[in-house]
PDB file of all heavy atoms in Angstrom:
ATOM      1  N   GLY A   1     -24.294  -5.983  -6.231  1.00  0.00           N
ATOM      2  CA  GLY A   1     -23.092  -6.134  -5.422  1.00  0.00           C
ATOM      3  C   GLY A   1     -23.347  -6.631  -4.019  1.00  0.00           C
ATOM      4  O   GLY A   1     -22.395  -6.925  -3.286  1.00  0.00           O
ATOM      5  N   GLY A   2     -24.607  -6.719  -3.594  1.00  0.00           N
ATOM      6  CA  GLY A   2     -24.921  -7.244  -2.268  1.00  0.00           C
ATOM      7  C   GLY A   2     -24.695  -8.743  -2.204  1.00  0.00           C
ATOM      8  O   GLY A   2     -24.762  -9.446  -3.219  1.00  0.00           O
ATOM      9  N   ALA A   3     -24.449  -9.245  -1.003  1.00  0.00           N
ATOM     10  CA  ALA A   3     -24.098 -10.656  -0.852  1.00  0.00           C
ATOM     11  C   ALA A   3     -25.305 -11.583  -0.899  1.00  0.00           C
ATOM     12  O   ALA A   3     -25.193 -12.727  -1.330  1.00  0.00           O
ATOM     13  CB  ALA A   3     -23.352 -10.848   0.474  1.00  0.00           C
ATOM     14  N   GLY A   4     -26.457 -11.112  -0.451  1.00  0.00           N
ATOM     15  CA  GLY A   4     -27.611 -11.982  -0.336  1.00  0.00           C
ATOM     16  C   GLY A   4     -28.241 -12.324  -1.672  1.00  0.00           C
ATOM     17  O   GLY A   4     -28.349 -11.466  -2.559  1.00  0.00           O
ATOM     18  N   GLU A   5     -28.692 -13.585  -1.823  1.00  0.00           N
ATOM     19  CA  GLU A   5     -29.348 -13.989  -3.068  1.00  0.00           C
ATOM     20  C   GLU A   5     -30.666 -13.247  -3.270  1.00  0.00           C
ATOM     21  O   GLU A   5     -31.098 -13.058  -4.403  1.00  0.00           O
ATOM     22  CB  GLU A   5     -29.626 -15.493  -3.049  1.00  0.00           C
ATOM     23  CG  GLU A   5     -28.396 -16.365  -3.115  1.00  0.00           C
ATOM     24  CD  GLU A   5     -28.749 -17.830  -2.939  1.00  0.00           C
ATOM     25  OE1 GLU A   5     -28.839 -18.286  -1.790  1.00  0.00           O
ATOM     26  OE2 GLU A   5     -28.972 -18.492  -3.968  1.00  0.00           O
ATOM     27  N   ALA A   6     -31.310 -12.846  -2.203  1.00  0.00           N
ATOM     28  CA  ALA A   6     -32.582 -12.130  -2.289  1.00  0.00           C
ATOM     29  C   ALA A   6     -32.308 -10.636  -2.422  1.00  0.00           C
ATOM     30  O   ALA A   6     -32.264  -9.888  -1.436  1.00  0.00           O
ATOM     31  CB  ALA A   6     -33.447 -12.398  -1.057  1.00  0.00           C
ATOM     32  N   ALA A   7     -32.039 -10.205  -3.656  1.00  0.00           N
ATOM     33  CA  ALA A   7     -31.821  -8.795  -3.985  1.00  0.00           C
ATOM     34  C   ALA A   7     -30.651  -8.176  -3.233  1.00  0.00           C
ATOM     35  O   ALA A   7     -30.618  -6.965  -3.019  1.00  0.00           O
ATOM     36  CB  ALA A   7     -33.092  -7.991  -3.729  1.00  0.00           C
ATOM     37  N   GLY A   8     -29.669  -8.989  -2.843  1.00  0.00           N
ATOM     38  CA  GLY A   8     -28.538  -8.471  -2.089  1.00  0.00           C
ATOM     39  C   GLY A   8     -28.837  -8.197  -0.643  1.00  0.00           C
ATOM     40  O   GLY A   8     -27.970  -7.732   0.104  1.00  0.00           O
ATOM     41  N   LEU A   9     -30.067  -8.513  -0.192  1.00  0.00           N
ATOM     42  CA  LEU A   9     -30.525  -8.149   1.147  1.00  0.00           C
ATOM     43  C   LEU A   9     -30.487  -9.294   2.145  1.00  0.00           C
ATOM     44  O   LEU A   9     -30.249  -9.087   3.328  1.00  0.00           O
ATOM     45  CB  LEU A   9     -31.969  -7.626   1.074  1.00  0.00           C
ATOM     46  CG  LEU A   9     -32.184  -6.309   0.339  1.00  0.00           C
ATOM     47  CD1 LEU A   9     -33.652  -6.142  -0.023  1.00  0.00           C
ATOM     48  CD2 LEU A   9     -31.722  -5.148   1.213  1.00  0.00           C
ATOM     49  N   GLY A  10     -30.785 -10.494   1.682  1.00  0.00           N
ATOM     50  CA  GLY A  10     -30.877 -11.623   2.597  1.00  0.00           C
ATOM     51  C   GLY A  10     -30.726 -12.924   1.842  1.00  0.00           C
ATOM     52  O   GLY A  10     -30.489 -12.949   0.637  1.00  0.00           O
ATOM     53  N   THR A  11     -30.891 -14.023   2.568  1.00  0.00           N
ATOM     54  CA  THR A  11     -30.699 -15.325   1.952  1.00  0.00           C
ATOM     55  C   THR A  11     -31.955 -15.768   1.213  1.00  0.00           C
ATOM     56  O   THR A  11     -33.064 -15.290   1.470  1.00  0.00           O
ATOM     57  CB  THR A  11     -30.360 -16.385   3.009  1.00  0.00           C
ATOM     58  OG1 THR A  11     -31.513 -16.618   3.833  1.00  0.00           O
ATOM     59  CG2 THR A  11     -29.186 -15.947   3.872  1.00  0.00           C
ATOM     60  N   LEU A  12     -31.767 -16.710   0.314  1.00  0.00           N
ATOM     61  CA  LEU A  12     -32.898 -17.288  -0.398  1.00  0.00           C
ATOM     62  C   LEU A  12     -33.829 -18.005   0.570  1.00  0.00           C
ATOM     63  O   LEU A  12     -35.053 -17.925   0.439  1.00  0.00           O
ATOM     64  CB  LEU A  12     -32.385 -18.257  -1.470  1.00  0.00           C
ATOM     65  CG  LEU A  12     -33.440 -18.871  -2.388  1.00  0.00           C
ATOM     66  CD1 LEU A  12     -34.165 -17.805  -3.192  1.00  0.00           C
ATOM     67  CD2 LEU A  12     -32.795 -19.896  -3.330  1.00  0.00           C
ATOM     68  N   ASP A  13     -33.276 -18.691   1.558  1.00  0.00           N
ATOM     69  CA  ASP A  13     -34.106 -19.387   2.541  1.00  0.00           C
ATOM     70  C   ASP A  13     -35.003 -18.407   3.290  1.00  0.00           C
ATOM     71  O   ASP A  13     -36.184 -18.700   3.540  1.00  0.00           O
ATOM     72  CB  ASP A  13     -33.227 -20.136   3.536  1.00  0.00           C
ATOM     73  CG  ASP A  13     -32.584 -21.383   2.936  1.00  0.00           C
ATOM     74  OD1 ASP A  13     -33.063 -21.850   1.880  1.00  0.00           O
ATOM     75  OD2 ASP A  13     -31.602 -21.878   3.522  1.00  0.00           O
ATOM     76  N   GLU A  14     -34.468 -17.249   3.656  1.00  0.00           N
ATOM     77  CA  GLU A  14     -35.271 -16.236   4.367  1.00  0.00           C
ATOM     78  C   GLU A  14     -36.416 -15.744   3.490  1.00  0.00           C
ATOM     79  O   GLU A  14     -37.556 -15.600   3.952  1.00  0.00           O
ATOM     80  CB  GLU A  14     -34.379 -15.061   4.779  1.00  0.00           C
ATOM     81  CG  GLU A  14     -33.394 -15.375   5.890  1.00  0.00           C
ATOM     82  CD  GLU A  14     -32.367 -14.280   6.088  1.00  0.00           C
ATOM     83  OE1 GLU A  14     -32.137 -13.482   5.158  1.00  0.00           O
ATOM     84  OE2 GLU A  14     -31.775 -14.228   7.187  1.00  0.00           O
ATOM     85  N   LEU A  15     -36.116 -15.490   2.227  1.00  0.00           N
ATOM     86  CA  LEU A  15     -37.138 -15.002   1.313  1.00  0.00           C
ATOM     87  C   LEU A  15     -38.259 -16.022   1.144  1.00  0.00           C
ATOM     88  O   LEU A  15     -39.449 -15.680   1.249  1.00  0.00           O
ATOM     89  CB  LEU A  15     -36.517 -14.680  -0.044  1.00  0.00           C
ATOM     90  CG  LEU A  15     -37.498 -14.286  -1.151  1.00  0.00           C
ATOM     91  CD1 LEU A  15     -38.114 -12.917  -0.869  1.00  0.00           C
ATOM     92  CD2 LEU A  15     -36.813 -14.295  -2.516  1.00  0.00           C
ATOM     93  N   LEU A  16     -37.901 -17.270   0.871  1.00  0.00           N
ATOM     94  CA  LEU A  16     -38.913 -18.282   0.590  1.00  0.00           C
ATOM     95  C   LEU A  16     -39.730 -18.615   1.829  1.00  0.00           C
ATOM     96  O   LEU A  16     -40.947 -18.844   1.736  1.00  0.00           O
ATOM     97  CB  LEU A  16     -38.249 -19.531   0.020  1.00  0.00           C
ATOM     98  CG  LEU A  16     -37.467 -19.341  -1.282  1.00  0.00           C
ATOM     99  CD1 LEU A  16     -36.998 -20.681  -1.831  1.00  0.00           C
ATOM    100  CD2 LEU A  16     -38.278 -18.578  -2.323  1.00  0.00           C
ATOM    101  N   ALA A  17     -39.100 -18.628   3.003  1.00  0.00           N
ATOM    102  CA  ALA A  17     -39.838 -18.876   4.237  1.00  0.00           C
ATOM    103  C   ALA A  17     -40.854 -17.764   4.486  1.00  0.00           C
ATOM    104  O   ALA A  17     -42.012 -18.033   4.852  1.00  0.00           O
ATOM    105  CB  ALA A  17     -38.876 -18.991   5.416  1.00  0.00           C
ATOM    106  N   ALA A  18     -40.450 -16.514   4.268  1.00  0.00           N
ATOM    107  CA  ALA A  18     -41.367 -15.389   4.472  1.00  0.00           C
ATOM    108  C   ALA A  18     -42.474 -15.390   3.435  1.00  0.00           C
ATOM    109  O   ALA A  18     -43.633 -15.058   3.743  1.00  0.00           O
ATOM    110  CB  ALA A  18     -40.588 -14.078   4.419  1.00  0.00           C
ATOM    111  N   TYR A  19     -42.151 -15.767   2.207  1.00  0.00           N
ATOM    112  CA  TYR A  19     -43.148 -15.825   1.131  1.00  0.00           C
ATOM    113  C   TYR A  19     -44.217 -16.873   1.446  1.00  0.00           C
ATOM    114  O   TYR A  19     -45.419 -16.595   1.356  1.00  0.00           O
ATOM    115  CB  TYR A  19     -42.447 -16.150  -0.179  1.00  0.00           C
ATOM    116  CG  TYR A  19     -43.357 -16.352  -1.367  1.00  0.00           C
ATOM    117  CD1 TYR A  19     -43.969 -15.255  -1.989  1.00  0.00           C
ATOM    118  CD2 TYR A  19     -43.604 -17.623  -1.870  1.00  0.00           C
ATOM    119  CE1 TYR A  19     -44.796 -15.441  -3.086  1.00  0.00           C
ATOM    120  CE2 TYR A  19     -44.422 -17.810  -2.971  1.00  0.00           C
ATOM    121  CZ  TYR A  19     -45.024 -16.715  -3.571  1.00  0.00           C
ATOM    122  OH  TYR A  19     -45.850 -16.898  -4.661  1.00  0.00           O
ATOM    123  N   GLU A  20     -43.810 -18.048   1.841  1.00  0.00           N
ATOM    124  CA  GLU A  20     -44.778 -19.102   2.156  1.00  0.00           C
ATOM    125  C   GLU A  20     -45.570 -18.761   3.416  1.00  0.00           C
ATOM    126  O   GLU A  20     -46.768 -19.036   3.496  1.00  0.00           O
ATOM    127  CB  GLU A  20     -44.054 -20.446   2.287  1.00  0.00           C
ATOM    128  CG  GLU A  20     -43.471 -20.929   0.953  1.00  0.00           C
ATOM    129  CD  GLU A  20     -42.771 -22.280   1.062  1.00  0.00           C
ATOM    130  OE1 GLU A  20     -42.815 -22.890   2.159  1.00  0.00           O
ATOM    131  OE2 GLU A  20     -42.182 -22.724   0.060  1.00  0.00           O
ATOM    132  N   ALA A  21     -44.920 -18.126   4.405  1.00  0.00           N
ATOM    133  CA  ALA A  21     -45.626 -17.723   5.624  1.00  0.00           C
ATOM    134  C   ALA A  21     -46.680 -16.659   5.342  1.00  0.00           C
ATOM    135  O   ALA A  21     -47.667 -16.543   6.083  1.00  0.00           O
ATOM    136  CB  ALA A  21     -44.622 -17.205   6.651  1.00  0.00           C
ATOM    137  N   SER A  22     -46.485 -15.891   4.273  1.00  0.00           N
ATOM    138  CA  SER A  22     -47.449 -14.840   3.894  1.00  0.00           C
ATOM    139  C   SER A  22     -48.549 -15.352   2.977  1.00  0.00           C
ATOM    140  O   SER A  22     -49.344 -14.563   2.475  1.00  0.00           O
ATOM    141  CB  SER A  22     -46.713 -13.678   3.217  1.00  0.00           C
ATOM    142  OG  SER A  22     -45.773 -13.096   4.084  1.00  0.00           O
ATOM    143  N   GLY A  23     -48.575 -16.648   2.728  1.00  0.00           N
ATOM    144  CA  GLY A  23     -49.622 -17.224   1.888  1.00  0.00           C
ATOM    145  C   GLY A  23     -49.208 -17.484   0.468  1.00  0.00           C
ATOM    146  O   GLY A  23     -50.061 -17.788  -0.379  1.00  0.00           O
ATOM    147  N   GLY A  24     -47.913 -17.381   0.183  1.00  0.00           N
ATOM    148  CA  GLY A  24     -47.434 -17.656  -1.168  1.00  0.00           C
ATOM    149  C   GLY A  24     -47.438 -19.138  -1.491  1.00  0.00           C
ATOM    150  O   GLY A  24     -47.444 -19.991  -0.601  1.00  0.00           O
ATOM    151  N   THR A  25     -47.418 -19.455  -2.768  1.00  0.00           N
ATOM    152  CA  THR A  25     -47.396 -20.835  -3.235  1.00  0.00           C
ATOM    153  C   THR A  25     -46.139 -21.554  -2.738  1.00  0.00           C
ATOM    154  O   THR A  25     -45.047 -20.983  -2.792  1.00  0.00           O
ATOM    155  CB  THR A  25     -47.398 -20.859  -4.781  1.00  0.00           C
ATOM    156  OG1 THR A  25     -48.513 -20.116  -5.254  1.00  0.00           O
ATOM    157  CG2 THR A  25     -47.453 -22.274  -5.306  1.00  0.00           C
ATOM    158  N   PRO A  26     -46.249 -22.805  -2.246  1.00  0.00           N
ATOM    159  CA  PRO A  26     -45.039 -23.555  -1.862  1.00  0.00           C
ATOM    160  C   PRO A  26     -44.047 -23.621  -3.023  1.00  0.00           C
ATOM    161  O   PRO A  26     -44.426 -23.823  -4.179  1.00  0.00           O
ATOM    162  CB  PRO A  26     -45.592 -24.944  -1.518  1.00  0.00           C
ATOM    163  CG  PRO A  26     -47.006 -24.686  -1.093  1.00  0.00           C
ATOM    164  CD  PRO A  26     -47.479 -23.550  -1.957  1.00  0.00           C
ATOM    165  N   VAL A  27     -42.773 -23.434  -2.700  1.00  0.00           N
ATOM    166  CA  VAL A  27     -41.753 -23.261  -3.732  1.00  0.00           C
ATOM    167  C   VAL A  27     -40.990 -24.565  -3.970  1.00  0.00           C
ATOM    168  O   VAL A  27     -40.436 -25.152  -3.041  1.00  0.00           O
ATOM    169  CB  VAL A  27     -40.770 -22.138  -3.356  1.00  0.00           C
ATOM    170  CG1 VAL A  27     -39.662 -22.010  -4.397  1.00  0.00           C
ATOM    171  CG2 VAL A  27     -41.516 -20.817  -3.181  1.00  0.00           C
ATOM    172  N   ASP A  28     -40.964 -25.011  -5.210  1.00  0.00           N
ATOM    173  CA  ASP A  28     -40.128 -26.119  -5.657  1.00  0.00           C
ATOM    174  C   ASP A  28     -38.791 -25.503  -6.094  1.00  0.00           C
ATOM    175  O   ASP A  28     -38.745 -24.709  -7.040  1.00  0.00           O
ATOM    176  CB  ASP A  28     -40.808 -26.848  -6.816  1.00  0.00           C
ATOM    177  CG  ASP A  28     -40.017 -28.041  -7.325  1.00  0.00           C
ATOM    178  OD1 ASP A  28     -38.784 -27.930  -7.467  1.00  0.00           O
ATOM    179  OD2 ASP A  28     -40.639 -29.078  -7.621  1.00  0.00           O
ATOM    180  N   ARG A  29     -37.692 -25.884  -5.424  1.00  0.00           N
ATOM    181  CA  ARG A  29     -36.402 -25.246  -5.693  1.00  0.00           C
ATOM    182  C   ARG A  29     -35.921 -25.494  -7.124  1.00  0.00           C
ATOM    183  O   ARG A  29     -35.263 -24.629  -7.710  1.00  0.00           O
ATOM    184  CB  ARG A  29     -35.345 -25.749  -4.701  1.00  0.00           C
ATOM    185  CG  ARG A  29     -35.599 -25.363  -3.246  1.00  0.00           C
ATOM    186  CD  ARG A  29     -35.535 -23.862  -3.021  1.00  0.00           C
ATOM    187  NE  ARG A  29     -35.662 -23.534  -1.620  1.00  0.00           N
ATOM    188  CZ  ARG A  29     -34.654 -23.167  -0.817  1.00  0.00           C
ATOM    189  NH1 ARG A  29     -33.433 -23.060  -1.301  1.00  0.00           N
ATOM    190  NH2 ARG A  29     -34.859 -22.892   0.444  1.00  0.00           N
ATOM    191  N   GLU A  30     -36.219 -26.646  -7.697  1.00  0.00           N
ATOM    192  CA  GLU A  30     -35.791 -26.906  -9.070  1.00  0.00           C
ATOM    193  C   GLU A  30     -36.546 -26.026 -10.058  1.00  0.00           C
ATOM    194  O   GLU A  30     -35.966 -25.518 -11.024  1.00  0.00           O
ATOM    195  CB  GLU A  30     -35.993 -28.384  -9.411  1.00  0.00           C
ATOM    196  CG  GLU A  30     -35.034 -29.309  -8.692  1.00  0.00           C
ATOM    197  CD  GLU A  30     -35.137 -30.739  -9.189  1.00  0.00           C
ATOM    198  OE1 GLU A  30     -35.919 -30.994 -10.140  1.00  0.00           O
ATOM    199  OE2 GLU A  30     -34.441 -31.601  -8.631  1.00  0.00           O
ATOM    200  N   VAL A  31     -37.834 -25.833  -9.799  1.00  0.00           N
ATOM    201  CA  VAL A  31     -38.622 -24.937 -10.650  1.00  0.00           C
ATOM    202  C   VAL A  31     -38.102 -23.509 -10.507  1.00  0.00           C
ATOM    203  O   VAL A  31     -37.958 -22.774 -11.494  1.00  0.00           O
ATOM    204  CB  VAL A  31     -40.117 -25.020 -10.304  1.00  0.00           C
ATOM    205  CG1 VAL A  31     -40.911 -23.971 -11.089  1.00  0.00           C
ATOM    206  CG2 VAL A  31     -40.648 -26.422 -10.591  1.00  0.00           C
ATOM    207  N   LEU A  32     -37.803 -23.119  -9.278  1.00  0.00           N
ATOM    208  CA  LEU A  32     -37.265 -21.775  -9.053  1.00  0.00           C
ATOM    209  C   LEU A  32     -35.950 -21.589  -9.801  1.00  0.00           C
ATOM    210  O   LEU A  32     -35.721 -20.536 -10.414  1.00  0.00           O
ATOM    211  CB  LEU A  32     -37.064 -21.531  -7.562  1.00  0.00           C
ATOM    212  CG  LEU A  32     -36.425 -20.182  -7.193  1.00  0.00           C
ATOM    213  CD1 LEU A  32     -37.282 -19.012  -7.657  1.00  0.00           C
ATOM    214  CD2 LEU A  32     -36.173 -20.102  -5.689  1.00  0.00           C
ATOM    215  N   HIS A  33     -35.076 -22.584  -9.785  1.00  0.00           N
ATOM    216  CA  HIS A  33     -33.808 -22.476 -10.502  1.00  0.00           C
ATOM    217  C   HIS A  33     -34.051 -22.282 -12.007  1.00  0.00           C
ATOM    218  O   HIS A  33     -33.358 -21.487 -12.661  1.00  0.00           O
ATOM    219  CB  HIS A  33     -32.942 -23.720 -10.279  1.00  0.00           C
ATOM    220  CG  HIS A  33     -31.644 -23.680 -11.009  1.00  0.00           C
ATOM    221  ND1 HIS A  33     -30.576 -22.900 -10.617  1.00  0.00           N
ATOM    222  CD2 HIS A  33     -31.241 -24.307 -12.149  1.00  0.00           C
ATOM    223  CE1 HIS A  33     -29.571 -23.050 -11.466  1.00  0.00           C
ATOM    224  NE2 HIS A  33     -29.955 -23.897 -12.411  1.00  0.00           N
ATOM    225  N   TRP A  34     -35.033 -22.995 -12.555  1.00  0.00           N
ATOM    226  CA  TRP A  34     -35.357 -22.831 -13.975  1.00  0.00           C
ATOM    227  C   TRP A  34     -35.726 -21.375 -14.253  1.00  0.00           C
ATOM    228  O   TRP A  34     -35.279 -20.790 -15.252  1.00  0.00           O
ATOM    229  CB  TRP A  34     -36.518 -23.760 -14.353  1.00  0.00           C
ATOM    230  CG  TRP A  34     -36.800 -23.824 -15.826  1.00  0.00           C
ATOM    231  CD1 TRP A  34     -36.272 -24.685 -16.730  1.00  0.00           C
ATOM    232  CD2 TRP A  34     -37.705 -22.966 -16.563  1.00  0.00           C
ATOM    233  NE1 TRP A  34     -36.784 -24.430 -17.988  1.00  0.00           N
ATOM    234  CE2 TRP A  34     -37.658 -23.388 -17.914  1.00  0.00           C
ATOM    235  CE3 TRP A  34     -38.548 -21.914 -16.215  1.00  0.00           C
ATOM    236  CZ2 TRP A  34     -38.420 -22.778 -18.916  1.00  0.00           C
ATOM    237  CZ3 TRP A  34     -39.299 -21.295 -17.212  1.00  0.00           C
ATOM    238  CH2 TRP A  34     -39.239 -21.725 -18.544  1.00  0.00           C
ATOM    239  N   TRP A  35     -36.508 -20.789 -13.356  1.00  0.00           N
ATOM    240  CA  TRP A  35     -36.913 -19.393 -13.558  1.00  0.00           C
ATOM    241  C   TRP A  35     -35.752 -18.421 -13.337  1.00  0.00           C
ATOM    242  O   TRP A  35     -35.712 -17.348 -13.943  1.00  0.00           O
ATOM    243  CB  TRP A  35     -38.091 -19.047 -12.650  1.00  0.00           C
ATOM    244  CG  TRP A  35     -39.387 -19.577 -13.192  1.00  0.00           C
ATOM    245  CD1 TRP A  35     -40.081 -20.667 -12.777  1.00  0.00           C
ATOM    246  CD2 TRP A  35     -40.136 -19.019 -14.287  1.00  0.00           C
ATOM    247  NE1 TRP A  35     -41.216 -20.834 -13.538  1.00  0.00           N
ATOM    248  CE2 TRP A  35     -41.271 -19.835 -14.466  1.00  0.00           C
ATOM    249  CE3 TRP A  35     -39.969 -17.912 -15.114  1.00  0.00           C
ATOM    250  CZ2 TRP A  35     -42.226 -19.593 -15.454  1.00  0.00           C
ATOM    251  CZ3 TRP A  35     -40.909 -17.654 -16.095  1.00  0.00           C
ATOM    252  CH2 TRP A  35     -42.018 -18.485 -16.261  1.00  0.00           C
ATOM    253  N   GLN A  36     -34.791 -18.793 -12.519  1.00  0.00           N
ATOM    254  CA  GLN A  36     -33.601 -17.949 -12.362  1.00  0.00           C
ATOM    255  C   GLN A  36     -32.771 -17.956 -13.644  1.00  0.00           C
ATOM    256  O   GLN A  36     -32.243 -16.914 -14.054  1.00  0.00           O
ATOM    257  CB  GLN A  36     -32.767 -18.437 -11.178  1.00  0.00           C
ATOM    258  CG  GLN A  36     -33.399 -18.158  -9.827  1.00  0.00           C
ATOM    259  CD  GLN A  36     -32.659 -18.823  -8.681  1.00  0.00           C
ATOM    260  OE1 GLN A  36     -32.154 -19.934  -8.825  1.00  0.00           O
ATOM    261  NE2 GLN A  36     -32.589 -18.150  -7.546  1.00  0.00           N
ATOM    262  N   VAL A  37     -32.665 -19.128 -14.271  1.00  0.00           N
ATOM    263  CA  VAL A  37     -31.957 -19.196 -15.551  1.00  0.00           C
ATOM    264  C   VAL A  37     -32.699 -18.374 -16.603  1.00  0.00           C
ATOM    265  O   VAL A  37     -32.099 -17.570 -17.333  1.00  0.00           O
ATOM    266  CB  VAL A  37     -31.798 -20.660 -16.016  1.00  0.00           C
ATOM    267  CG1 VAL A  37     -31.211 -20.714 -17.432  1.00  0.00           C
ATOM    268  CG2 VAL A  37     -30.918 -21.432 -15.054  1.00  0.00           C
ATOM    269  N   LEU A  38     -34.029 -18.546 -16.657  1.00  0.00           N
ATOM    270  CA  LEU A  38     -34.802 -17.790 -17.638  1.00  0.00           C
ATOM    271  C   LEU A  38     -34.729 -16.294 -17.356  1.00  0.00           C
ATOM    272  O   LEU A  38     -34.608 -15.483 -18.277  1.00  0.00           O
ATOM    273  CB  LEU A  38     -36.264 -18.252 -17.634  1.00  0.00           C
ATOM    274  CG  LEU A  38     -37.167 -17.529 -18.643  1.00  0.00           C
ATOM    275  CD1 LEU A  38     -36.677 -17.739 -20.071  1.00  0.00           C
ATOM    276  CD2 LEU A  38     -38.622 -17.976 -18.519  1.00  0.00           C
ATOM    277  N   GLY A  39     -34.771 -15.918 -16.081  1.00  0.00           N
ATOM    278  CA  GLY A  39     -34.682 -14.501 -15.737  1.00  0.00           C
ATOM    279  C   GLY A  39     -33.368 -13.890 -16.160  1.00  0.00           C
ATOM    280  O   GLY A  39     -33.311 -12.767 -16.683  1.00  0.00           O
ATOM    281  N   THR A  40     -32.290 -14.628 -15.960  1.00  0.00           N
ATOM    282  CA  THR A  40     -30.975 -14.136 -16.369  1.00  0.00           C
ATOM    283  C   THR A  40     -30.900 -13.991 -17.884  1.00  0.00           C
ATOM    284  O   THR A  40     -30.411 -12.979 -18.410  1.00  0.00           O
ATOM    285  CB  THR A  40     -29.884 -15.099 -15.871  1.00  0.00           C
ATOM    286  OG1 THR A  40     -29.974 -15.207 -14.443  1.00  0.00           O
ATOM    287  CG2 THR A  40     -28.501 -14.608 -16.261  1.00  0.00           C
ATOM    288  N   LEU A  41     -31.410 -14.979 -18.589  1.00  0.00           N
ATOM    289  CA  LEU A  41     -31.447 -14.909 -20.053  1.00  0.00           C
ATOM    290  C   LEU A  41     -32.341 -13.765 -20.519  1.00  0.00           C
ATOM    291  O   LEU A  41     -31.983 -13.017 -21.454  1.00  0.00           O
ATOM    292  CB  LEU A  41     -31.949 -16.239 -20.612  1.00  0.00           C
ATOM    293  CG  LEU A  41     -32.139 -16.324 -22.134  1.00  0.00           C
ATOM    294  CD1 LEU A  41     -30.830 -16.079 -22.873  1.00  0.00           C
ATOM    295  CD2 LEU A  41     -32.721 -17.687 -22.517  1.00  0.00           C
ATOM    296  N   ARG A  42     -33.479 -13.630 -19.892  1.00  0.00           N
ATOM    297  CA  ARG A  42     -34.403 -12.551 -20.244  1.00  0.00           C
ATOM    298  C   ARG A  42     -33.727 -11.191 -20.106  1.00  0.00           C
ATOM    299  O   ARG A  42     -33.853 -10.327 -20.984  1.00  0.00           O
ATOM    300  CB  ARG A  42     -35.629 -12.633 -19.337  1.00  0.00           C
ATOM    301  CG  ARG A  42     -36.582 -11.459 -19.424  1.00  0.00           C
ATOM    302  CD  ARG A  42     -37.620 -11.567 -18.318  1.00  0.00           C
ATOM    303  NE  ARG A  42     -38.341 -10.314 -18.131  1.00  0.00           N
ATOM    304  CZ  ARG A  42     -39.049 -10.020 -17.048  1.00  0.00           C
ATOM    305  NH1 ARG A  42     -39.121 -10.881 -16.057  1.00  0.00           N
ATOM    306  NH2 ARG A  42     -39.676  -8.864 -16.958  1.00  0.00           N
ATOM    307  N   TRP A  43     -32.998 -10.987 -19.004  1.00  0.00           N
ATOM    308  CA  TRP A  43     -32.314  -9.708 -18.819  1.00  0.00           C
ATOM    309  C   TRP A  43     -31.269  -9.493 -19.908  1.00  0.00           C
ATOM    310  O   TRP A  43     -31.115  -8.398 -20.437  1.00  0.00           O
ATOM    311  CB  TRP A  43     -31.682  -9.649 -17.433  1.00  0.00           C
ATOM    312  CG  TRP A  43     -30.828  -8.443 -17.191  1.00  0.00           C
ATOM    313  CD1 TRP A  43     -29.538  -8.416 -16.776  1.00  0.00           C
ATOM    314  CD2 TRP A  43     -31.201  -7.063 -17.356  1.00  0.00           C
ATOM    315  NE1 TRP A  43     -29.077  -7.127 -16.672  1.00  0.00           N
ATOM    316  CE2 TRP A  43     -30.081  -6.274 -17.018  1.00  0.00           C
ATOM    317  CE3 TRP A  43     -32.364  -6.423 -17.761  1.00  0.00           C
ATOM    318  CZ2 TRP A  43     -30.086  -4.885 -17.072  1.00  0.00           C
ATOM    319  CZ3 TRP A  43     -32.376  -5.029 -17.822  1.00  0.00           C
ATOM    320  CH2 TRP A  43     -31.252  -4.275 -17.480  1.00  0.00           C
TER     321      TRP A  43
END
């Protein structure tokens, strides 16, 4: 029920910027969308 795409807490841009700043793999938004579709189907 939270508004933010990142677990209802914040925006997707905030999450991905923090992830990459922490040493995470650079994020391809189209690849991420594919995994969001798969995640929804998986659930």
